[in-house]
C-alpha atoms as a PDB file:
ATOM      1  CA  MET A   1       0.000   0.000   0.000  1.00  0.00           C
ATOM      2  CA  ALA A   2       2.769   2.459   0.933  1.00  0.00           C
ATOM      3  CA  THR A   3       4.614   1.612  -2.292  1.00  0.00           C
ATOM      4  CA  GLN A   4       1.502   2.390  -4.346  1.00  0.00           C
ATOM      5  CA  VAL A   5       1.062   5.764  -2.617  1.00  0.00           C
ATOM      6  CA  THR A   6       4.732   6.591  -3.206  1.00  0.00           C
ATOM      7  CA  ALA A   7       4.468   5.626  -6.890  1.00  0.00           C
ATOM      8  CA  THR A   8       1.359   7.756  -7.309  1.00  0.00           C
ATOM      9  CA  ALA A   9       3.084  10.729  -5.658  1.00  0.00           C
ATOM     10  CA  THR A  10       6.121  10.259  -7.906  1.00  0.00           C
ATOM     11  CA  VAL A  11       3.961  10.251 -11.049  1.00  0.00           C
ATOM     12  CA  ALA A  12       2.124  13.378  -9.874  1.00  0.00           C
ATOM     13  CA  THR A  13       5.437  15.129  -9.192  1.00  0.00           C
ATOM     14  CA  ALA A  14       6.731  14.195 -12.649  1.00  0.00           C
ATOM     15  CA  LYS A  15       3.552  15.549 -14.292  1.00  0.00           C
ATOM     16  CA  ALA A  16       3.810  18.785 -12.324  1.00  0.00           C
ATOM     17  CA  ARG A  17       7.445  19.209 -13.403  1.00  0.00           C
ATOM     18  CA  ARG A  18       6.567  18.593 -17.044  1.00  0.00           C
ATOM     19  CA  SER A  19       3.710  21.093 -16.863  1.00  0.00           C
ATOM     20  CA  SER A  20       5.988  23.631 -15.208  1.00  0.00           C
ATOM     21  CA  SER A  21       8.682  23.096 -17.849  1.00  0.00           C
ATOM     22  CA  PHE A  22       6.155  23.502 -20.646  1.00  0.00           C
ATOM     23  CA  LEU A  23       4.884  26.692 -19.004  1.00  0.00           C
ATOM     24  CA  LYS A  24       8.384  28.105 -18.658  1.00  0.00           C
ATOM     25  CA  GLY A  25       9.156  27.212 -22.267  1.00  0.00           C
ATOM     26  CA  ALA A  26       5.966  28.923 -23.450  1.00  0.00           C
ATOM     27  CA  ILE A  27       6.852  32.086 -21.522  1.00  0.00           C
ATOM     28  CA  ALA A  28      10.394  32.003 -22.940  1.00  0.00           C
ATOM     29  CA  LEU A  29       9.026  31.625 -26.475  1.00  0.00           C
ATOM     30  CA  GLN A  30       6.636  34.520 -25.939  1.00  0.00           C
ATOM     31  CA  THR A  31       9.446  36.698 -24.577  1.00  0.00           C
ATOM     32  CA  LEU A  32      11.642  35.858 -27.556  1.00  0.00           C
ATOM     33  CA  THR A  33       8.916  36.620 -30.083  1.00  0.00           C
ATOM     34  CA  ILE A  34       8.170  39.978 -28.439  1.00  0.00           C
ATOM     35  CA  PHE A  35      11.875  40.837 -28.567  1.00  0.00           C
ATOM     36  CA  LEU A  36      12.028  39.858 -32.236  1.00  0.00           C
ATOM     37  CA  GLN A  37       9.074  42.154 -32.848  1.00  0.00           C
ATOM     38  CA  ALA A  38      11.165  45.046 -31.536  1.00  0.00           C
ATOM     39  CA  VAL A  39      13.956  44.050 -33.927  1.00  0.00           C
ATOM     40  CA  SER A  40      11.562  43.844 -36.872  1.00  0.00           C
ATOM     41  CA  ALA A  41      10.060  47.218 -35.867  1.00  0.00           C
ATOM     42  CA  GLY A  42      13.519  48.693 -36.307  1.00  0.00           C
ATOM     43  CA  LEU A  43      13.711  47.064 -39.719  1.00  0.00           C
ATOM     44  CA  LEU A  44      10.444  48.800 -40.609  1.00  0.00           C
ATOM     45  CA  LEU A  45      12.441  52.018 -40.601  1.00  0.00           C
ATOM     46  CA  THR A  46      15.416  50.780 -42.574  1.00  0.00           C
ATOM     47  CA  ALA A  47      14.531  47.859 -44.857  1.00  0.00           C
ATOM     48  CA  SER A  48      11.958  47.250 -47.563  1.00  0.00           C
ATOM     49  CA  TYR A  49      11.076  43.833 -46.104  1.00  0.00           C
ATOM     50  CA  GLY A  50      10.614  45.200 -42.574  1.00  0.00           C
ATOM     51  CA  GLU A  51       6.842  45.524 -42.823  1.00  0.00           C
ATOM     52  CA  THR A  52       6.422  41.934 -43.995  1.00  0.00           C
ATOM     53  CA  LEU A  53       8.724  40.627 -41.287  1.00  0.00           C
ATOM     54  CA  HIS A  54       6.906  42.626 -38.603  1.00  0.00           C
ATOM     55  CA  SER A  55       3.523  41.412 -39.858  1.00  0.00           C
ATOM     56  CA  VAL A  56       4.585  37.761 -39.832  1.00  0.00           C
ATOM     57  CA  GLY A  57       6.207  38.262 -36.440  1.00  0.00           C
ATOM     58  CA  ALA A  58       2.933  39.623 -35.067  1.00  0.00           C
ATOM     59  CA  ARG A  59       1.180  36.400 -36.005  1.00  0.00           C
ATOM     60  CA  VAL A  60       3.929  34.311 -34.435  1.00  0.00           C
ATOM     61  CA  MET A  61       3.871  36.429 -31.258  1.00  0.00           C
ATOM     62  CA  TYR A  62       0.087  36.057 -31.047  1.00  0.00           C
ATOM     63  CA  GLY A  63       0.430  32.292 -31.457  1.00  0.00           C
ATOM     64  CA  ALA A  64       3.068  32.243 -28.713  1.00  0.00           C
ATOM     65  CA  SER A  65       0.640  34.103 -26.432  1.00  0.00           C
ATOM     66  CA  MET A  66      -2.037  31.489 -27.143  1.00  0.00           C
ATOM     67  CA  LEU A  67       0.485  28.734 -26.403  1.00  0.00           C
ATOM     68  CA  TYR A  68       1.236  30.457 -23.083  1.00  0.00           C
ATOM     69  CA  VAL A  69      -2.484  30.289 -22.197  1.00  0.00           C
ATOM     70  CA  LEU A  70      -2.586  26.592 -23.098  1.00  0.00           C
ATOM     71  CA  ALA A  71       0.528  25.854 -21.037  1.00  0.00           C
ATOM     72  CA  ALA A  72      -0.876  27.773 -18.064  1.00  0.00           C
ATOM     73  CA  VAL A  73      -4.150  25.842 -18.211  1.00  0.00           C
ATOM     74  CA  LEU A  74      -2.296  22.537 -18.457  1.00  0.00           C
ATOM     75  CA  ALA A  75      -0.085  23.464 -15.501  1.00  0.00           C
ATOM     76  CA  TRP A  76      -3.132  24.437 -13.474  1.00  0.00           C
ATOM     77  CA  LYS A  77      -5.787  21.825 -14.201  1.00  0.00           C
ATOM     78  CA  PRO A  78      -4.100  18.420 -14.476  1.00  0.00           C
ATOM     79  CA  GLY A  79      -0.989  19.482 -12.605  1.00  0.00           C
ATOM     80  CA  GLY A  80      -2.915  20.945  -9.697  1.00  0.00           C
ATOM     81  CA  GLY A  81      -0.956  24.182  -9.844  1.00  0.00           C
ATOM     82  CA  SER A  82      -1.973  27.737  -9.096  1.00  0.00           C
ATOM     83  CA  LEU A  83      -4.602  29.586 -11.106  1.00  0.00           C
ATOM     84  CA  ARG A  84      -2.417  32.725 -11.188  1.00  0.00           C
ATOM     85  CA  PRO A  85      -0.487  31.771 -14.385  1.00  0.00           C
ATOM     86  CA  VAL A  86      -3.802  31.268 -16.195  1.00  0.00           C
ATOM     87  CA  TRP A  87      -4.845  34.824 -15.328  1.00  0.00           C
ATOM     88  CA  GLN A  88      -1.427  36.178 -16.299  1.00  0.00           C
ATOM     89  CA  ALA A  89      -1.413  34.307 -19.610  1.00  0.00           C
ATOM     90  CA  SER A  90      -4.951  35.463 -20.356  1.00  0.00           C
ATOM     91  CA  GLY A  91      -3.893  39.031 -19.617  1.00  0.00           C
ATOM     92  CA  PHE A  92      -1.009  38.678 -22.062  1.00  0.00           C
ATOM     93  CA  LEU A  93      -3.392  37.389 -24.706  1.00  0.00           C
ATOM     94  CA  VAL A  94      -5.596  40.449 -24.175  1.00  0.00           C
ATOM     95  CA  LEU A  95      -2.540  42.733 -24.431  1.00  0.00           C
ATOM     96  CA  ALA A  96      -1.437  40.906 -27.587  1.00  0.00           C
ATOM     97  CA  SER A  97      -4.909  41.388 -29.072  1.00  0.00           C
ATOM     98  CA  VAL A  98      -4.838  45.103 -28.300  1.00  0.00           C
ATOM     99  CA  GLN A  99      -1.320  45.296 -29.725  1.00  0.00           C
ATOM    100  CA  VAL A 100      -2.400  43.692 -33.008  1.00  0.00           C
ATOM    101  CA  VAL A 101      -5.395  46.019 -33.317  1.00  0.00           C
ATOM    102  CA  LEU A 102      -3.202  49.066 -32.631  1.00  0.00           C
ATOM    103  CA  GLY A 103      -0.657  47.894 -35.189  1.00  0.00           C
ATOM    104  CA  ILE A 104      -3.283  47.392 -37.879  1.00  0.00           C
ATOM    105  CA  ALA A 105      -4.762  50.802 -37.059  1.00  0.00           C
ATOM    106  CA  HIS A 106      -1.277  52.376 -37.285  1.00  0.00           C
ATOM    107  CA  VAL A 107      -1.298  53.960 -33.822  1.00  0.00           C
ATOM    108  CA  PRO A 108       2.433  53.886 -32.985  1.00  0.00           C
ATOM    109  CA  SER A 109       2.054  56.318 -30.063  1.00  0.00           C
ATOM    110  CA  VAL A 110       0.360  53.519 -28.100  1.00  0.00           C
ATOM    111  CA  HIS A 111       1.592  50.466 -30.043  1.00  0.00           C
ATOM    112  CA  VAL A 112       5.288  51.022 -29.300  1.00  0.00           C
ATOM    113  CA  PRO A 113       4.995  51.699 -25.530  1.00  0.00           C
ATOM    114  CA  LEU A 114       2.606  48.746 -25.174  1.00  0.00           C
ATOM    115  CA  GLY A 115       5.183  46.536 -26.879  1.00  0.00           C
ATOM    116  CA  VAL A 116       7.847  47.708 -24.435  1.00  0.00           C
ATOM    117  CA  LEU A 117       5.476  47.034 -21.518  1.00  0.00           C
ATOM    118  CA  MET A 118       4.663  43.561 -22.850  1.00  0.00           C
ATOM    119  CA  PHE A 119       8.347  42.706 -23.199  1.00  0.00           C
ATOM    120  CA  GLY A 120       9.073  43.863 -19.635  1.00  0.00           C
ATOM    121  CA  LEU A 121       6.126  41.917 -18.216  1.00  0.00           C
ATOM    122  CA  SER A 122       7.117  38.818 -20.171  1.00  0.00           C
ATOM    123  CA  VAL A 123      10.698  38.994 -18.890  1.00  0.00           C
ATOM    124  CA  LEU A 124       9.320  39.391 -15.364  1.00  0.00           C
ATOM    125  CA  ALA A 125       7.013  36.387 -15.793  1.00  0.00           C
ATOM    126  CA  LEU A 126       9.958  34.353 -17.081  1.00  0.00           C
ATOM    127  CA  ALA A 127      12.173  35.386 -14.161  1.00  0.00           C
ATOM    128  CA  ARG A 128       9.472  34.372 -11.679  1.00  0.00           C
ATOM    129  CA  ARG A 129       9.215  30.852 -13.118  1.00  0.00           C
END
């Protein structure tokens, strides 16, 4: 009986670690894509292909934000973790949505500072994991 309880606890610990690793990887990917968006924004000013690169990067960054939500839900529900990462990931998805809308509407006075804020928050989320 004690061996079965220990085995069950070991499996649960392994699942929690995997969920946590997936969550950390998703945050790292999101942080990287936001940083690359800053790089491609600079290319907007200097290269003919900058707009295309920034547009494609926006889609990738948005996908990374959705992956972050998925990873947070998987770390919370089956892993029995905290609900806080789900709220944080959902907040990032909202910010990413606003960022995309502002970019399409060509409102750089809000789009650029929001991008800087998102990068800082993403780095903070990564450091806390």
